[in-house]
Amino acid sequence: MQQYFVDQELSEGQIIALDDETLYHLIKVLRKDTSYTFRIADLKGRIFHAHLLDKKNAQIIQALDEDNELDCKITCILSLIKSDKLELCIQKLVELGVQKIVPYEAKRSIMKIKDPKKMLRLRKIAREAAEQSHRNIIPEISDPIAFSKLKDHMSEANYICYEAEENIADINRSASVSYIIGPEGGFDPEEYEAIRSLGFHSISLGKRILRAETAALYMTSIIVGKHQ
């Protein structure tokens, strides 16, 4: 069943006006009419069934007792990588349950995000992935940060994934986890040591060298496995 998000609190029986993008998707893309019932998530992460009344409005039918979020807040600090890979990675991270994605301008990052439209696109990808995977919330996609801002995104447990490390990832249950993934070509050695000095524990994801997007998804899967 299709799901959408609205930036307001909802209640059963309420009639709401749908935004143009939602209406376009329902009527023009899915070709639904007033007989269609869909899911809608409100500002507080509550999910409801809603009924399409006409080409503008919907009525909230029933609140669902449903929580599809993990009991661990996962923050992925993802070094900027090539645009198509970055977009795919964000989509899959959202599907896996990450709550925040922080684009990081690593020393070896080739790509830079200078156009605000690019951030709008990344946030739209996150929103659509959250709708598709029936999330209660839309994960946050922060503006790109430099090294000086890394401490602002640390959690109860913090990790840096590094291919030269011998210790395979041994992730314990935590209320919140942040992990940082390097760019194509890996971390600059001085940068790696500086990140460790902040309190990021160095771990390996195995003997094989993984692409940045693969490493991000693999690390997230390990964390999710501890919190199912």
Protein backbone atom coordinates (compact mmCIF):
# COMPACT_ATOMS: atom_id res chain seq x y z
CA MET A 1 0.00 0.00 0.00
CA GLN A 2 1.34 3.43 -0.97
CA GLN A 3 2.47 5.74 1.84
CA TYR A 4 2.98 9.50 2.00
CA PHE A 5 4.17 12.01 4.62
CA VAL A 6 2.53 15.26 5.73
CA ASP A 7 4.01 18.08 7.80
CA GLN A 8 1.13 18.28 10.28
CA GLU A 9 -0.47 16.31 13.12
CA LEU A 10 -3.38 14.09 12.10
CA SER A 11 -6.42 12.60 13.81
CA GLU A 12 -9.10 10.12 12.82
CA GLY A 13 -11.95 11.65 10.83
CA GLN A 14 -9.92 14.70 9.81
CA ILE A 15 -10.14 15.96 6.22
CA ILE A 16 -6.89 17.32 4.81
CA ALA A 17 -5.79 18.95 1.56
CA LEU A 18 -3.04 16.95 -0.12
CA ASP A 19 -0.01 18.69 -1.61
CA ASP A 20 0.40 18.88 -5.38
CA GLU A 21 3.18 16.28 -5.53
CA THR A 22 1.16 13.71 -3.58
CA LEU A 23 -1.92 14.36 -5.69
CA TYR A 24 0.06 14.05 -8.91
CA HIS A 25 1.50 10.72 -7.82
CA LEU A 26 -1.86 9.35 -6.70
CA ILE A 27 -3.94 10.50 -9.66
CA LYS A 28 -1.55 10.78 -12.59
CA VAL A 29 1.09 8.14 -11.80
CA LEU A 30 -0.87 5.50 -9.89
CA ARG A 31 -4.16 6.46 -11.60
CA LYS A 32 -6.18 6.06 -8.40
CA ASP A 33 -9.70 7.36 -7.84
CA THR A 34 -11.85 8.06 -4.81
CA SER A 35 -12.09 4.37 -3.95
CA TYR A 36 -8.40 4.22 -3.04
CA THR A 37 -7.14 3.85 0.53
CA PHE A 38 -3.51 4.66 1.29
CA ARG A 39 -1.12 5.16 4.23
CA ILE A 40 -0.14 8.55 5.55
CA ALA A 41 2.42 9.44 8.25
CA ASP A 42 2.14 12.64 10.23
CA LEU A 43 4.57 15.06 11.87
CA LYS A 44 4.87 12.89 14.99
CA GLY A 45 5.60 9.68 13.10
CA ARG A 46 2.11 8.23 13.55
CA ILE A 47 0.70 6.25 10.64
CA PHE A 48 -2.91 6.29 9.46
CA HIS A 49 -5.08 4.86 6.73
CA ALA A 50 -6.55 7.62 4.58
CA HIS A 51 -9.20 7.66 1.87
CA LEU A 52 -8.98 9.79 -1.26
CA LEU A 53 -12.13 11.94 -1.35
CA ASP A 54 -11.59 13.88 -4.56
CA LYS A 55 -8.79 15.42 -6.62
CA LYS A 56 -7.71 17.61 -3.73
CA ASN A 57 -8.67 16.15 -0.35
CA ALA A 58 -8.37 12.99 1.71
CA GLN A 59 -10.01 11.82 4.91
CA ILE A 60 -8.08 10.20 7.75
CA ILE A 61 -9.82 6.89 8.49
CA GLN A 62 -7.91 4.94 11.10
CA ALA A 63 -4.78 5.24 13.22
CA LEU A 64 -2.41 2.27 12.94
CA ASP A 65 -0.51 0.93 15.95
CA GLU A 66 2.67 0.55 13.96
CA ASP A 67 6.30 1.41 14.71
CA ASN A 68 8.73 0.52 11.96
CA GLU A 69 11.72 2.36 13.45
CA LEU A 70 14.75 0.73 15.07
CA ASP A 71 15.39 1.09 18.80
CA CYS A 72 18.82 2.47 17.91
CA LYS A 73 19.41 5.85 16.28
CA ILE A 74 21.91 5.25 13.45
CA THR A 75 23.87 8.12 11.96
CA CYS A 76 25.86 7.39 8.80
CA ILE A 77 28.60 9.94 8.14
CA LEU A 78 29.17 9.24 4.48
CA SER A 79 32.14 10.76 2.69
CA LEU A 80 31.10 12.37 -0.56
CA ILE A 81 31.33 9.93 -3.46
CA LYS A 82 30.24 10.05 -7.08
CA SER A 83 26.72 11.40 -7.49
CA ASP A 84 24.94 8.29 -8.77
CA LYS A 85 26.50 6.10 -6.08
CA LEU A 86 25.69 8.65 -3.38
CA GLU A 87 22.04 8.74 -4.42
CA LEU A 88 21.75 4.95 -4.48
CA CYS A 89 23.48 4.68 -1.11
CA ILE A 90 21.13 7.20 0.51
CA GLN A 91 18.11 5.33 -0.85
CA LYS A 92 19.27 2.00 0.56
CA LEU A 93 20.41 3.43 3.90
CA VAL A 94 16.94 4.87 4.42
CA GLU A 95 15.35 1.53 3.58
CA LEU A 96 17.62 -0.18 6.12
CA GLY A 97 16.56 2.17 8.93
CA VAL A 98 19.23 4.87 9.26
CA GLN A 99 17.86 7.99 10.96
CA LYS A 100 20.45 10.53 9.84
CA ILE A 101 22.87 10.73 6.89
CA VAL A 102 25.67 13.27 7.05
CA PRO A 103 27.58 13.96 3.79
CA TYR A 104 31.24 14.45 4.74
CA GLU A 105 33.81 16.42 2.73
CA ALA A 106 36.77 14.09 3.22
CA LYS A 107 40.25 15.11 2.05
CA ARG A 108 40.07 12.62 -0.82
CA SER A 109 36.46 13.31 -1.78
CA ILE A 110 36.38 14.14 -5.47
CA MET A 111 32.79 15.34 -5.48
CA LYS A 112 31.63 18.53 -3.79
CA ILE A 113 28.03 19.68 -3.35
CA LYS A 114 27.77 23.36 -4.19
CA ASP A 115 24.32 23.54 -5.80
CA PRO A 116 21.43 23.71 -3.27
CA LYS A 117 19.29 21.85 -5.81
CA LYS A 118 21.48 18.79 -5.27
CA MET A 119 20.61 18.71 -1.57
CA LEU A 120 16.92 19.04 -2.45
CA ARG A 121 17.27 16.03 -4.74
CA LEU A 122 19.02 13.95 -2.05
CA ARG A 123 16.29 14.80 0.47
CA LYS A 124 13.62 13.90 -2.05
CA ILE A 125 15.29 10.53 -2.60
CA ALA A 126 15.28 9.98 1.17
CA ARG A 127 11.60 10.91 1.42
CA GLU A 128 10.59 8.55 -1.39
CA ALA A 129 12.64 5.72 0.11
CA ALA A 130 10.98 6.31 3.50
CA GLU A 131 7.56 6.17 1.86
CA GLN A 132 8.39 3.00 -0.05
CA SER A 133 9.76 1.23 3.04
CA HIS A 134 6.90 2.39 5.33
CA ARG A 135 9.11 4.34 7.72
CA ASN A 136 7.46 6.37 10.48
CA ILE A 137 9.83 9.26 9.82
CA ILE A 138 11.81 10.78 6.99
CA PRO A 139 15.50 10.47 7.88
CA GLU A 140 17.47 13.69 8.09
CA ILE A 141 19.97 14.47 5.31
CA SER A 142 22.23 17.15 6.75
CA ASP A 143 24.13 19.72 4.76
CA PRO A 144 27.69 18.59 3.90
CA ILE A 145 30.18 19.05 6.72
CA ALA A 146 33.94 19.37 7.07
CA PHE A 147 36.16 17.72 9.70
CA SER A 148 35.56 20.56 12.17
CA LYS A 149 31.88 19.57 12.46
CA LEU A 150 32.29 15.83 12.95
CA LYS A 151 31.95 16.05 16.75
CA ASP A 152 28.45 17.50 16.31
CA HIS A 153 27.27 14.17 14.89
CA MET A 154 28.79 11.73 17.38
CA SER A 155 26.63 9.25 19.28
CA GLU A 156 26.85 6.92 22.26
CA ALA A 157 29.01 4.58 20.14
CA ASN A 158 31.21 5.86 17.30
CA TYR A 159 33.13 3.95 14.63
CA ILE A 160 35.37 4.61 11.65
CA CYS A 161 35.49 1.84 9.05
CA TYR A 162 39.06 1.40 7.85
CA GLU A 163 40.40 -1.24 5.50
CA ALA A 164 43.83 -1.44 7.18
CA GLU A 165 42.34 -2.31 10.57
CA GLU A 166 42.59 -5.95 11.66
CA ASN A 167 39.69 -6.04 14.11
CA ILE A 168 36.48 -7.16 12.42
CA ALA A 169 33.46 -5.07 13.33
CA ASP A 170 32.18 -6.10 16.77
CA ILE A 171 29.19 -3.86 17.34
CA ASN A 172 27.40 -3.94 20.68
CA ARG A 173 23.85 -2.77 21.29
CA SER A 174 23.70 0.98 21.89
CA ALA A 175 21.00 3.63 22.07
CA SER A 176 22.73 5.48 19.24
CA VAL A 177 25.55 4.72 16.82
CA SER A 178 27.50 6.94 14.44
CA TYR A 179 29.87 5.53 11.87
CA ILE A 180 31.99 7.17 9.21
CA ILE A 181 32.75 5.77 5.76
CA GLY A 182 35.66 6.98 3.63
CA PRO A 183 35.51 8.15 0.00
CA GLU A 184 36.82 6.48 -3.15
CA GLY A 185 40.50 5.90 -2.44
CA GLY A 186 39.98 5.69 1.31
CA PHE A 187 40.91 8.09 4.10
CA ASP A 188 44.00 10.23 4.06
CA PRO A 189 46.24 8.72 6.82
CA GLU A 190 46.48 11.99 8.76
CA GLU A 191 42.73 12.48 8.48
CA TYR A 192 42.15 8.94 9.73
CA GLU A 193 44.26 9.54 12.83
CA ALA A 194 42.53 12.87 13.45
CA ILE A 195 39.11 11.19 13.28
CA ARG A 196 40.26 8.51 15.72
CA SER A 197 41.47 11.19 18.11
CA LEU A 198 37.90 12.50 18.28
CA GLY A 199 36.73 9.20 19.72
CA PHE A 200 35.80 7.12 16.69
CA HIS A 201 36.76 3.49 17.29
CA SER A 202 38.53 1.93 14.30
CA ILE A 203 37.06 -1.30 12.91
CA SER A 204 37.37 -3.45 9.80
CA LEU A 205 34.60 -4.86 7.64
CA GLY A 206 36.67 -7.86 6.57
CA LYS A 207 39.65 -8.78 4.43
CA ARG A 208 38.18 -7.59 1.16
CA ILE A 209 38.33 -3.95 0.05
CA LEU A 210 34.76 -2.69 -0.25
CA ARG A 211 33.52 0.24 -2.27
CA ALA A 212 32.30 3.13 -0.13
CA GLU A 213 28.63 2.49 -0.88
CA THR A 214 29.00 -1.23 -0.15
CA ALA A 215 30.79 -0.53 3.13
CA ALA A 216 28.04 1.85 4.26
CA LEU A 217 25.29 -0.70 3.60
CA TYR A 218 27.26 -3.56 5.13
CA MET A 219 28.01 -1.60 8.30
CA THR A 220 24.38 -0.57 8.63
CA SER A 221 23.27 -4.18 8.23
CA ILE A 222 25.59 -5.23 11.06
CA ILE A 223 24.11 -2.57 13.37
CA VAL A 224 20.53 -3.37 12.36
CA GLY A 225 21.19 -7.05 13.08
CA LYS A 226 21.96 -6.13 16.67
CA HIS A 227 18.69 -4.22 17.08
CA GLN A 228 16.04 -6.36 15.39
